[in-house]
Amino acid sequence: MKTGEIIKTFTARDGRKVILRTPKWEDLDDFLEAINSLVDEGADILRTQRVSREEEIDWLSCVLSQMERGEMLYLVGEVDGKVVGLSEVSRRSGRESHVGVIGIAIRQGFREVGMGTEMMKTLVEHAPQMGLKVLMLTTFATNERAFHVYKKVGFVETGRIPRKFFKNGGYVDEIILTKVLE
């Protein structure tokens, strides 16, 4: 897929128009703002420290390179010209090359309007084109909103790692979910 290629457009439940598309270099500042807003919020993501512009340049370069090689599909959710949703499915390697790992994050103010569900559905739809047979993802056990979305698009809980994360002074389990593609 080409950079900036529009994959799907839809109207969110709050009436805003959402564009799902592949990333492009011009998204760099939006990506930096998005990830740092998630860190500042204390969202259920692995990262706990803000990202520098140089780190984001390296990351985006890697993403675009992996997409070019067909190892990853990265989708952004764009509203009013700004990237507010981030999602990906990336292929594992070796004996796991038929397995894709999904990640998704949506900025505060854009959740619970259907963007996460549409992003997940779109990643699942495109996974077979990458040769993927099994999809997996993990989530914080406290992230009930995400867990609901994952189940809605057909993922099932297949494992749990107790006390995997330490957040806000307490331990949180990691939930492992999978979806076997037809």
N, C-alpha and C. Protein backbone atom coordinates (compact mmCIF):
# COMPACT_ATOMS: atom_id res chain seq x y z
N MET A 1 0.83 -1.19 0.00
CA MET A 1 0.00 0.00 0.00
C MET A 1 0.88 1.25 0.00
N LYS A 2 0.36 2.28 -0.61
CA LYS A 2 1.08 3.54 -0.69
C LYS A 2 0.88 4.34 0.60
N THR A 3 1.82 5.23 0.88
CA THR A 3 1.66 6.10 2.04
C THR A 3 0.48 7.05 1.79
N GLY A 4 -0.29 7.27 2.84
CA GLY A 4 -1.43 8.18 2.74
C GLY A 4 -2.64 7.61 2.01
N GLU A 5 -2.62 6.32 1.67
CA GLU A 5 -3.72 5.71 0.92
C GLU A 5 -4.96 5.57 1.81
N ILE A 6 -6.07 6.07 1.32
CA ILE A 6 -7.34 5.98 2.06
C ILE A 6 -7.90 4.57 1.90
N ILE A 7 -8.18 3.94 3.03
CA ILE A 7 -8.71 2.58 3.04
C ILE A 7 -10.22 2.59 3.22
N LYS A 8 -10.71 3.50 4.08
CA LYS A 8 -12.14 3.54 4.38
C LYS A 8 -12.48 4.89 4.99
N THR A 9 -13.70 5.35 4.73
CA THR A 9 -14.23 6.52 5.43
C THR A 9 -15.56 6.13 6.02
N PHE A 10 -15.89 6.72 7.16
CA PHE A 10 -17.17 6.45 7.80
C PHE A 10 -17.53 7.62 8.70
N THR A 11 -18.78 7.64 9.12
CA THR A 11 -19.24 8.65 10.05
C THR A 11 -19.31 8.04 11.44
N ALA A 12 -18.61 8.66 12.37
CA ALA A 12 -18.61 8.17 13.75
C ALA A 12 -19.97 8.42 14.39
N ARG A 13 -20.19 7.76 15.52
CA ARG A 13 -21.48 7.91 16.21
C ARG A 13 -21.76 9.35 16.63
N ASP A 14 -20.72 10.16 16.79
CA ASP A 14 -20.93 11.56 17.17
C ASP A 14 -21.06 12.48 15.96
N GLY A 15 -21.12 11.89 14.76
CA GLY A 15 -21.34 12.66 13.55
C GLY A 15 -20.08 13.12 12.83
N ARG A 16 -18.92 12.94 13.44
CA ARG A 16 -17.68 13.35 12.78
C ARG A 16 -17.28 12.36 11.69
N LYS A 17 -16.71 12.89 10.62
CA LYS A 17 -16.23 12.06 9.51
C LYS A 17 -14.84 11.54 9.88
N VAL A 18 -14.64 10.23 9.73
CA VAL A 18 -13.36 9.59 10.04
C VAL A 18 -12.80 8.98 8.76
N ILE A 19 -11.53 9.23 8.54
CA ILE A 19 -10.81 8.64 7.41
C ILE A 19 -9.81 7.64 7.99
N LEU A 20 -9.88 6.40 7.54
CA LEU A 20 -8.87 5.39 7.88
C LEU A 20 -7.94 5.29 6.69
N ARG A 21 -6.66 5.52 6.95
CA ARG A 21 -5.68 5.53 5.86
C ARG A 21 -4.32 5.10 6.38
N THR A 22 -3.42 4.85 5.46
CA THR A 22 -2.04 4.52 5.83
C THR A 22 -1.32 5.82 6.19
N PRO A 23 -0.26 5.71 6.99
CA PRO A 23 0.46 6.91 7.41
C PRO A 23 1.33 7.49 6.30
N LYS A 24 1.74 8.74 6.51
CA LYS A 24 2.65 9.43 5.60
C LYS A 24 3.58 10.31 6.44
N TRP A 25 4.68 10.74 5.85
CA TRP A 25 5.66 11.55 6.58
C TRP A 25 5.05 12.80 7.18
N GLU A 26 4.08 13.37 6.50
CA GLU A 26 3.46 14.60 6.99
C GLU A 26 2.70 14.41 8.31
N ASP A 27 2.49 13.15 8.71
CA ASP A 27 1.79 12.84 9.97
C ASP A 27 2.71 12.93 11.19
N LEU A 28 3.99 13.14 10.98
CA LEU A 28 4.96 13.06 12.07
C LEU A 28 4.54 13.86 13.30
N ASP A 29 4.19 15.13 13.14
CA ASP A 29 3.84 15.96 14.30
C ASP A 29 2.56 15.47 14.98
N ASP A 30 1.59 14.99 14.17
CA ASP A 30 0.37 14.43 14.76
C ASP A 30 0.67 13.17 15.56
N PHE A 31 1.55 12.31 15.03
CA PHE A 31 1.94 11.10 15.75
C PHE A 31 2.59 11.45 17.09
N LEU A 32 3.49 12.40 17.04
CA LEU A 32 4.20 12.82 18.26
C LEU A 32 3.21 13.37 19.29
N GLU A 33 2.30 14.20 18.83
CA GLU A 33 1.28 14.77 19.72
C GLU A 33 0.38 13.66 20.28
N ALA A 34 0.01 12.71 19.44
CA ALA A 34 -0.89 11.64 19.87
C ALA A 34 -0.24 10.75 20.92
N ILE A 35 0.97 10.27 20.66
CA ILE A 35 1.60 9.36 21.62
C ILE A 35 1.88 10.09 22.93
N ASN A 36 2.33 11.33 22.86
CA ASN A 36 2.62 12.04 24.09
C ASN A 36 1.35 12.39 24.87
N SER A 37 0.24 12.60 24.18
CA SER A 37 -1.02 12.83 24.90
C SER A 37 -1.45 11.56 25.63
N LEU A 38 -1.22 10.40 25.02
CA LEU A 38 -1.56 9.13 25.67
C LEU A 38 -0.67 8.89 26.90
N VAL A 39 0.62 9.22 26.78
CA VAL A 39 1.54 9.10 27.92
C VAL A 39 1.10 10.03 29.04
N ASP A 40 0.82 11.29 28.69
CA ASP A 40 0.42 12.29 29.69
C ASP A 40 -0.87 11.89 30.40
N GLU A 41 -1.78 11.28 29.65
CA GLU A 41 -3.06 10.84 30.21
C GLU A 41 -2.89 9.66 31.16
N GLY A 42 -1.81 8.89 30.98
CA GLY A 42 -1.65 7.67 31.75
C GLY A 42 -2.51 6.55 31.18
N ALA A 43 -2.71 6.59 29.85
CA ALA A 43 -3.54 5.59 29.17
C ALA A 43 -2.97 4.20 29.36
N ASP A 44 -3.78 3.19 29.11
CA ASP A 44 -3.35 1.79 29.22
C ASP A 44 -2.50 1.40 28.01
N ILE A 45 -1.29 1.95 27.98
CA ILE A 45 -0.30 1.61 26.97
C ILE A 45 0.99 1.27 27.70
N LEU A 46 1.93 0.65 27.01
CA LEU A 46 3.17 0.25 27.65
C LEU A 46 4.09 1.43 27.94
N ARG A 47 4.09 2.41 27.07
CA ARG A 47 5.00 3.55 27.21
C ARG A 47 4.61 4.40 28.41
N THR A 48 5.62 4.80 29.16
CA THR A 48 5.38 5.65 30.34
C THR A 48 6.12 6.98 30.24
N GLN A 49 6.97 7.15 29.22
CA GLN A 49 7.73 8.39 29.07
C GLN A 49 7.43 9.01 27.72
N ARG A 50 7.40 10.35 27.71
CA ARG A 50 7.15 11.08 26.48
C ARG A 50 8.21 10.73 25.42
N VAL A 51 7.84 10.93 24.17
CA VAL A 51 8.69 10.60 23.03
C VAL A 51 9.27 11.89 22.46
N SER A 52 10.55 11.84 22.09
CA SER A 52 11.18 13.01 21.45
C SER A 52 10.88 12.98 19.95
N ARG A 53 11.07 14.10 19.31
CA ARG A 53 10.86 14.18 17.86
C ARG A 53 11.80 13.23 17.13
N GLU A 54 13.05 13.13 17.59
CA GLU A 54 14.02 12.24 16.95
C GLU A 54 13.57 10.79 17.07
N GLU A 55 13.08 10.40 18.24
CA GLU A 55 12.58 9.03 18.42
C GLU A 55 11.40 8.76 17.49
N GLU A 56 10.53 9.75 17.35
CA GLU A 56 9.36 9.58 16.49
C GLU A 56 9.76 9.49 15.02
N ILE A 57 10.77 10.23 14.62
CA ILE A 57 11.29 10.14 13.24
C ILE A 57 11.79 8.72 12.98
N ASP A 58 12.58 8.18 13.91
CA ASP A 58 13.09 6.81 13.76
C ASP A 58 11.95 5.81 13.69
N TRP A 59 10.95 5.98 14.56
CA TRP A 59 9.81 5.06 14.60
C TRP A 59 9.03 5.11 13.29
N LEU A 60 8.71 6.30 12.81
CA LEU A 60 7.92 6.43 11.58
C LEU A 60 8.69 5.87 10.39
N SER A 61 9.98 6.09 10.35
CA SER A 61 10.81 5.53 9.28
C SER A 61 10.72 4.00 9.28
N CYS A 62 10.77 3.41 10.47
CA CYS A 62 10.67 1.96 10.60
C CYS A 62 9.30 1.45 10.15
N VAL A 63 8.24 2.14 10.56
CA VAL A 63 6.87 1.76 10.18
C VAL A 63 6.71 1.79 8.66
N LEU A 64 7.13 2.87 8.03
CA LEU A 64 6.97 2.99 6.58
C LEU A 64 7.79 1.92 5.86
N SER A 65 8.96 1.60 6.37
CA SER A 65 9.80 0.56 5.78
C SER A 65 9.14 -0.82 5.91
N GLN A 66 8.60 -1.12 7.09
CA GLN A 66 7.93 -2.41 7.29
C GLN A 66 6.68 -2.52 6.42
N MET A 67 5.96 -1.43 6.24
CA MET A 67 4.79 -1.46 5.36
C MET A 67 5.21 -1.73 3.92
N GLU A 68 6.28 -1.10 3.50
CA GLU A 68 6.77 -1.28 2.13
C GLU A 68 7.15 -2.74 1.87
N ARG A 69 7.67 -3.42 2.90
CA ARG A 69 8.06 -4.83 2.77
C ARG A 69 6.89 -5.79 2.99
N GLY A 70 5.71 -5.26 3.30
CA GLY A 70 4.54 -6.11 3.52
C GLY A 70 4.52 -6.81 4.87
N GLU A 71 5.33 -6.33 5.80
CA GLU A 71 5.39 -6.94 7.13
C GLU A 71 4.40 -6.33 8.10
N MET A 72 3.81 -5.22 7.73
CA MET A 72 2.92 -4.50 8.63
C MET A 72 1.88 -3.73 7.83
N LEU A 73 0.70 -3.63 8.41
CA LEU A 73 -0.31 -2.69 7.93
C LEU A 73 -0.55 -1.72 9.07
N TYR A 74 -0.30 -0.46 8.83
CA TYR A 74 -0.53 0.57 9.84
C TYR A 74 -1.66 1.45 9.33
N LEU A 75 -2.64 1.68 10.19
CA LEU A 75 -3.77 2.55 9.85
C LEU A 75 -3.86 3.69 10.85
N VAL A 76 -4.12 4.87 10.35
CA VAL A 76 -4.43 5.99 11.22
C VAL A 76 -5.89 6.34 11.05
N GLY A 77 -6.47 6.85 12.12
CA GLY A 77 -7.81 7.42 12.06
C GLY A 77 -7.64 8.93 12.06
N GLU A 78 -8.15 9.56 11.02
CA GLU A 78 -8.00 11.00 10.86
C GLU A 78 -9.37 11.67 10.99
N VAL A 79 -9.43 12.70 11.81
CA VAL A 79 -10.65 13.50 11.97
C VAL A 79 -10.26 14.97 11.82
N ASP A 80 -10.95 15.66 10.93
CA ASP A 80 -10.67 17.08 10.69
C ASP A 80 -9.19 17.35 10.41
N GLY A 81 -8.58 16.46 9.64
CA GLY A 81 -7.19 16.66 9.23
C GLY A 81 -6.15 16.31 10.27
N LYS A 82 -6.56 15.74 11.42
CA LYS A 82 -5.62 15.37 12.48
C LYS A 82 -5.67 13.89 12.76
N VAL A 83 -4.51 13.29 12.98
CA VAL A 83 -4.43 11.87 13.35
C VAL A 83 -4.82 11.73 14.82
N VAL A 84 -5.88 10.95 15.06
CA VAL A 84 -6.39 10.77 16.44
C VAL A 84 -6.48 9.30 16.83
N GLY A 85 -6.28 8.41 15.86
CA GLY A 85 -6.31 6.97 16.12
C GLY A 85 -5.12 6.31 15.46
N LEU A 86 -4.52 5.35 16.16
CA LEU A 86 -3.33 4.66 15.68
C LEU A 86 -3.58 3.17 15.78
N SER A 87 -3.29 2.41 14.74
CA SER A 87 -3.49 0.96 14.81
C SER A 87 -2.57 0.26 13.82
N GLU A 88 -2.29 -1.00 14.14
CA GLU A 88 -1.40 -1.77 13.28
C GLU A 88 -1.64 -3.25 13.44
N VAL A 89 -1.27 -3.98 12.41
CA VAL A 89 -1.10 -5.43 12.51
C VAL A 89 0.26 -5.71 11.89
N SER A 90 1.12 -6.37 12.67
CA SER A 90 2.47 -6.68 12.17
C SER A 90 2.70 -8.18 12.23
N ARG A 91 3.39 -8.67 11.20
CA ARG A 91 3.65 -10.09 11.07
C ARG A 91 4.81 -10.50 11.96
N ARG A 92 4.65 -11.65 12.64
CA ARG A 92 5.75 -12.24 13.39
C ARG A 92 6.70 -12.88 12.39
N SER A 93 7.79 -13.45 12.84
CA SER A 93 8.76 -14.03 11.92
C SER A 93 8.98 -15.51 12.21
N GLY A 94 9.75 -16.16 11.35
CA GLY A 94 10.09 -17.56 11.54
C GLY A 94 8.88 -18.46 11.55
N ARG A 95 8.82 -19.36 12.52
CA ARG A 95 7.70 -20.31 12.62
C ARG A 95 6.38 -19.64 13.00
N GLU A 96 6.46 -18.36 13.31
CA GLU A 96 5.24 -17.60 13.64
C GLU A 96 4.85 -16.63 12.53
N SER A 97 5.38 -16.81 11.34
CA SER A 97 5.14 -15.83 10.28
C SER A 97 3.69 -15.79 9.80
N HIS A 98 2.87 -16.72 10.26
CA HIS A 98 1.44 -16.71 9.93
C HIS A 98 0.63 -15.98 11.01
N VAL A 99 1.32 -15.45 12.02
CA VAL A 99 0.67 -14.78 13.15
C VAL A 99 0.87 -13.27 13.05
N GLY A 100 -0.21 -12.53 13.23
CA GLY A 100 -0.14 -11.07 13.25
C GLY A 100 -0.45 -10.56 14.64
N VAL A 101 0.28 -9.53 15.04
CA VAL A 101 0.07 -8.90 16.34
C VAL A 101 -0.55 -7.53 16.11
N ILE A 102 -1.66 -7.28 16.81
CA ILE A 102 -2.40 -6.03 16.64
C ILE A 102 -2.15 -5.10 17.81
N GLY A 103 -2.05 -3.82 17.48
CA GLY A 103 -1.98 -2.77 18.48
C GLY A 103 -2.90 -1.64 18.07
N ILE A 104 -3.49 -0.97 19.05
CA ILE A 104 -4.41 0.13 18.74
C ILE A 104 -4.43 1.10 19.90
N ALA A 105 -4.52 2.39 19.58
CA ALA A 105 -4.65 3.44 20.59
C ALA A 105 -5.43 4.59 19.98
N ILE A 106 -6.32 5.14 20.77
CA ILE A 106 -7.15 6.25 20.30
C ILE A 106 -7.08 7.38 21.33
N ARG A 107 -6.90 8.59 20.82
CA ARG A 107 -6.77 9.76 21.70
C ARG A 107 -8.06 10.02 22.47
N GLN A 108 -7.86 10.57 23.65
CA GLN A 108 -8.99 10.98 24.47
C GLN A 108 -9.85 11.96 23.68
N GLY A 109 -11.16 11.84 23.82
CA GLY A 109 -12.08 12.69 23.07
C GLY A 109 -12.56 12.07 21.77
N PHE A 110 -11.96 10.93 21.40
CA PHE A 110 -12.35 10.25 20.16
C PHE A 110 -12.70 8.79 20.41
N ARG A 111 -12.83 8.43 21.68
CA ARG A 111 -13.18 7.06 22.05
C ARG A 111 -14.69 6.93 22.17
N GLU A 112 -15.15 5.71 22.10
CA GLU A 112 -16.58 5.38 22.24
C GLU A 112 -17.46 6.01 21.18
N VAL A 113 -16.87 6.22 19.99
CA VAL A 113 -17.66 6.73 18.86
C VAL A 113 -17.62 5.77 17.68
N GLY A 114 -17.02 4.57 17.88
CA GLY A 114 -16.97 3.55 16.83
C GLY A 114 -15.67 3.48 16.07
N MET A 115 -14.73 4.38 16.34
CA MET A 115 -13.47 4.37 15.59
C MET A 115 -12.66 3.10 15.88
N GLY A 116 -12.57 2.71 17.13
CA GLY A 116 -11.81 1.51 17.49
C GLY A 116 -12.36 0.27 16.81
N THR A 117 -13.68 0.14 16.81
CA THR A 117 -14.31 -1.01 16.17
C THR A 117 -14.01 -1.03 14.67
N GLU A 118 -14.15 0.12 14.02
CA GLU A 118 -13.89 0.18 12.57
C GLU A 118 -12.42 -0.11 12.26
N MET A 119 -11.52 0.40 13.09
CA MET A 119 -10.09 0.14 12.86
C MET A 119 -9.80 -1.35 13.01
N MET A 120 -10.35 -1.96 14.06
CA MET A 120 -10.13 -3.39 14.29
C MET A 120 -10.70 -4.22 13.14
N LYS A 121 -11.92 -3.93 12.72
CA LYS A 121 -12.53 -4.66 11.61
C LYS A 121 -11.68 -4.55 10.34
N THR A 122 -11.16 -3.36 10.08
CA THR A 122 -10.37 -3.13 8.88
C THR A 122 -9.05 -3.90 8.94
N LEU A 123 -8.39 -3.92 10.10
CA LEU A 123 -7.16 -4.70 10.25
C LEU A 123 -7.44 -6.18 10.03
N VAL A 124 -8.53 -6.68 10.61
CA VAL A 124 -8.90 -8.10 10.46
C VAL A 124 -9.19 -8.42 9.00
N GLU A 125 -9.89 -7.52 8.30
CA GLU A 125 -10.22 -7.74 6.88
C GLU A 125 -8.96 -7.83 6.02
N HIS A 126 -7.95 -7.03 6.33
CA HIS A 126 -6.74 -6.98 5.50
C HIS A 126 -5.68 -8.01 5.90
N ALA A 127 -5.82 -8.62 7.07
CA ALA A 127 -4.82 -9.57 7.55
C ALA A 127 -4.58 -10.75 6.60
N PRO A 128 -5.62 -11.35 6.01
CA PRO A 128 -5.37 -12.48 5.09
C PRO A 128 -4.51 -12.08 3.89
N GLN A 129 -4.62 -10.83 3.43
CA GLN A 129 -3.80 -10.36 2.31
C GLN A 129 -2.31 -10.35 2.66
N MET A 130 -2.01 -10.35 3.96
CA MET A 130 -0.62 -10.40 4.44
C MET A 130 -0.20 -11.85 4.69
N GLY A 131 -1.10 -12.81 4.41
CA GLY A 131 -0.79 -14.21 4.64
C GLY A 131 -0.98 -14.63 6.09
N LEU A 132 -1.71 -13.84 6.85
CA LEU A 132 -1.89 -14.14 8.27
C LEU A 132 -3.06 -15.09 8.48
N LYS A 133 -2.89 -16.01 9.41
CA LYS A 133 -3.91 -17.01 9.75
C LYS A 133 -4.43 -16.85 11.17
N VAL A 134 -3.62 -16.23 12.04
CA VAL A 134 -3.98 -16.03 13.44
C VAL A 134 -3.61 -14.61 13.83
N LEU A 135 -4.52 -13.96 14.54
CA LEU A 135 -4.25 -12.62 15.06
C LEU A 135 -4.24 -12.68 16.58
N MET A 136 -3.37 -11.89 17.18
CA MET A 136 -3.33 -11.85 18.64
C MET A 136 -3.10 -10.41 19.09
N LEU A 137 -3.48 -10.16 20.31
CA LEU A 137 -3.24 -8.87 20.92
C LEU A 137 -3.28 -9.04 22.43
N THR A 138 -2.80 -8.04 23.12
CA THR A 138 -2.86 -8.06 24.58
C THR A 138 -3.44 -6.75 25.05
N THR A 139 -4.01 -6.77 26.25
CA THR A 139 -4.56 -5.56 26.83
C THR A 139 -4.45 -5.61 28.34
N PHE A 140 -4.48 -4.45 28.94
CA PHE A 140 -4.54 -4.34 30.39
C PHE A 140 -5.91 -4.85 30.82
N ALA A 141 -5.97 -5.64 31.88
CA ALA A 141 -7.25 -6.18 32.36
C ALA A 141 -8.21 -5.06 32.78
N THR A 142 -7.66 -3.90 33.10
CA THR A 142 -8.49 -2.77 33.51
C THR A 142 -9.10 -2.02 32.32
N ASN A 143 -8.70 -2.34 31.11
CA ASN A 143 -9.17 -1.63 29.93
C ASN A 143 -10.44 -2.30 29.39
N GLU A 144 -11.51 -2.14 30.12
CA GLU A 144 -12.77 -2.81 29.77
C GLU A 144 -13.33 -2.35 28.43
N ARG A 145 -13.16 -1.08 28.11
CA ARG A 145 -13.66 -0.54 26.83
C ARG A 145 -12.99 -1.27 25.67
N ALA A 146 -11.66 -1.42 25.71
CA ALA A 146 -10.94 -2.11 24.64
C ALA A 146 -11.32 -3.59 24.60
N PHE A 147 -11.39 -4.21 25.76
CA PHE A 147 -11.75 -5.64 25.84
C PHE A 147 -13.10 -5.88 25.15
N HIS A 148 -14.05 -4.99 25.38
CA HIS A 148 -15.38 -5.09 24.75
C HIS A 148 -15.26 -5.02 23.22
N VAL A 149 -14.46 -4.08 22.72
CA VAL A 149 -14.29 -3.94 21.27
C VAL A 149 -13.66 -5.19 20.68
N TYR A 150 -12.63 -5.71 21.34
CA TYR A 150 -11.94 -6.90 20.83
C TYR A 150 -12.89 -8.09 20.74
N LYS A 151 -13.70 -8.28 21.77
CA LYS A 151 -14.67 -9.38 21.75
C LYS A 151 -15.71 -9.17 20.66
N LYS A 152 -16.12 -7.92 20.47
CA LYS A 152 -17.14 -7.61 19.45
C LYS A 152 -16.67 -7.99 18.05
N VAL A 153 -15.37 -7.89 17.77
CA VAL A 153 -14.87 -8.23 16.44
C VAL A 153 -14.34 -9.67 16.37
N GLY A 154 -14.62 -10.47 17.40
CA GLY A 154 -14.37 -11.90 17.32
C GLY A 154 -13.14 -12.44 18.03
N PHE A 155 -12.46 -11.61 18.80
CA PHE A 155 -11.32 -12.11 19.57
C PHE A 155 -11.83 -12.79 20.84
N VAL A 156 -11.10 -13.82 21.27
CA VAL A 156 -11.45 -14.53 22.51
C VAL A 156 -10.23 -14.52 23.44
N GLU A 157 -10.52 -14.47 24.72
CA GLU A 157 -9.45 -14.50 25.70
C GLU A 157 -8.84 -15.90 25.71
N THR A 158 -7.53 -15.97 25.49
CA THR A 158 -6.85 -17.26 25.47
C THR A 158 -5.75 -17.35 26.52
N GLY A 159 -5.57 -16.29 27.29
CA GLY A 159 -4.56 -16.34 28.34
C GLY A 159 -4.57 -15.09 29.19
N ARG A 160 -3.87 -15.21 30.30
CA ARG A 160 -3.79 -14.09 31.23
C ARG A 160 -2.47 -14.21 31.97
N ILE A 161 -1.76 -13.11 32.08
CA ILE A 161 -0.53 -13.08 32.86
C ILE A 161 -0.82 -12.23 34.09
N PRO A 162 -0.87 -12.86 35.25
CA PRO A 162 -1.18 -12.11 36.47
C PRO A 162 -0.10 -11.07 36.80
N ARG A 163 -0.54 -9.91 37.23
CA ARG A 163 0.34 -8.86 37.74
C ARG A 163 1.45 -8.46 36.74
N LYS A 164 1.14 -8.49 35.47
CA LYS A 164 2.13 -8.19 34.43
C LYS A 164 2.57 -6.72 34.47
N PHE A 165 1.63 -5.84 34.73
CA PHE A 165 1.92 -4.40 34.69
C PHE A 165 1.82 -3.82 36.10
N PHE A 166 2.61 -2.77 36.32
CA PHE A 166 2.50 -2.00 37.56
C PHE A 166 2.08 -0.60 37.16
N LYS A 167 0.91 -0.18 37.61
CA LYS A 167 0.35 1.11 37.21
C LYS A 167 -0.42 1.72 38.37
N ASN A 168 -0.19 2.98 38.59
CA ASN A 168 -0.92 3.72 39.63
C ASN A 168 -0.84 3.04 40.99
N GLY A 169 0.32 2.51 41.33
CA GLY A 169 0.53 1.93 42.64
C GLY A 169 0.02 0.51 42.82
N GLY A 170 -0.44 -0.12 41.74
CA GLY A 170 -0.95 -1.48 41.85
C GLY A 170 -0.63 -2.31 40.63
N TYR A 171 -0.79 -3.61 40.78
CA TYR A 171 -0.53 -4.54 39.68
C TYR A 171 -1.80 -4.77 38.87
N VAL A 172 -1.59 -4.98 37.57
CA VAL A 172 -2.70 -5.21 36.65
C VAL A 172 -2.35 -6.42 35.79
N ASP A 173 -3.31 -7.34 35.61
CA ASP A 173 -3.12 -8.50 34.75
C ASP A 173 -3.07 -8.07 33.29
N GLU A 174 -2.36 -8.87 32.48
CA GLU A 174 -2.39 -8.72 31.03
C GLU A 174 -3.30 -9.81 30.48
N ILE A 175 -4.23 -9.42 29.61
CA ILE A 175 -5.12 -10.38 28.96
C ILE A 175 -4.62 -10.60 27.53
N ILE A 176 -4.51 -11.86 27.14
CA ILE A 176 -4.10 -12.24 25.78
C ILE A 176 -5.35 -12.68 25.05
N LEU A 177 -5.58 -12.10 23.87
CA LEU A 177 -6.74 -12.45 23.05
C LEU A 177 -6.26 -12.89 21.68
N THR A 178 -6.97 -13.83 21.08
CA THR A 178 -6.63 -14.31 19.74
C THR A 178 -7.88 -14.45 18.87
N LYS A 179 -7.63 -14.45 17.58
CA LYS A 179 -8.68 -14.70 16.60
C LYS A 179 -8.08 -15.54 15.49
N VAL A 180 -8.64 -16.71 15.26
CA VAL A 180 -8.21 -17.56 14.15
C VAL A 180 -9.01 -17.16 12.93
N LEU A 181 -8.31 -16.84 11.84
CA LEU A 181 -8.98 -16.39 10.63
C LEU A 181 -9.41 -17.59 9.80
N GLU A 182 -10.53 -17.45 9.13
CA GLU A 182 -11.10 -18.55 8.31
C GLU A 182 -10.21 -18.82 7.12
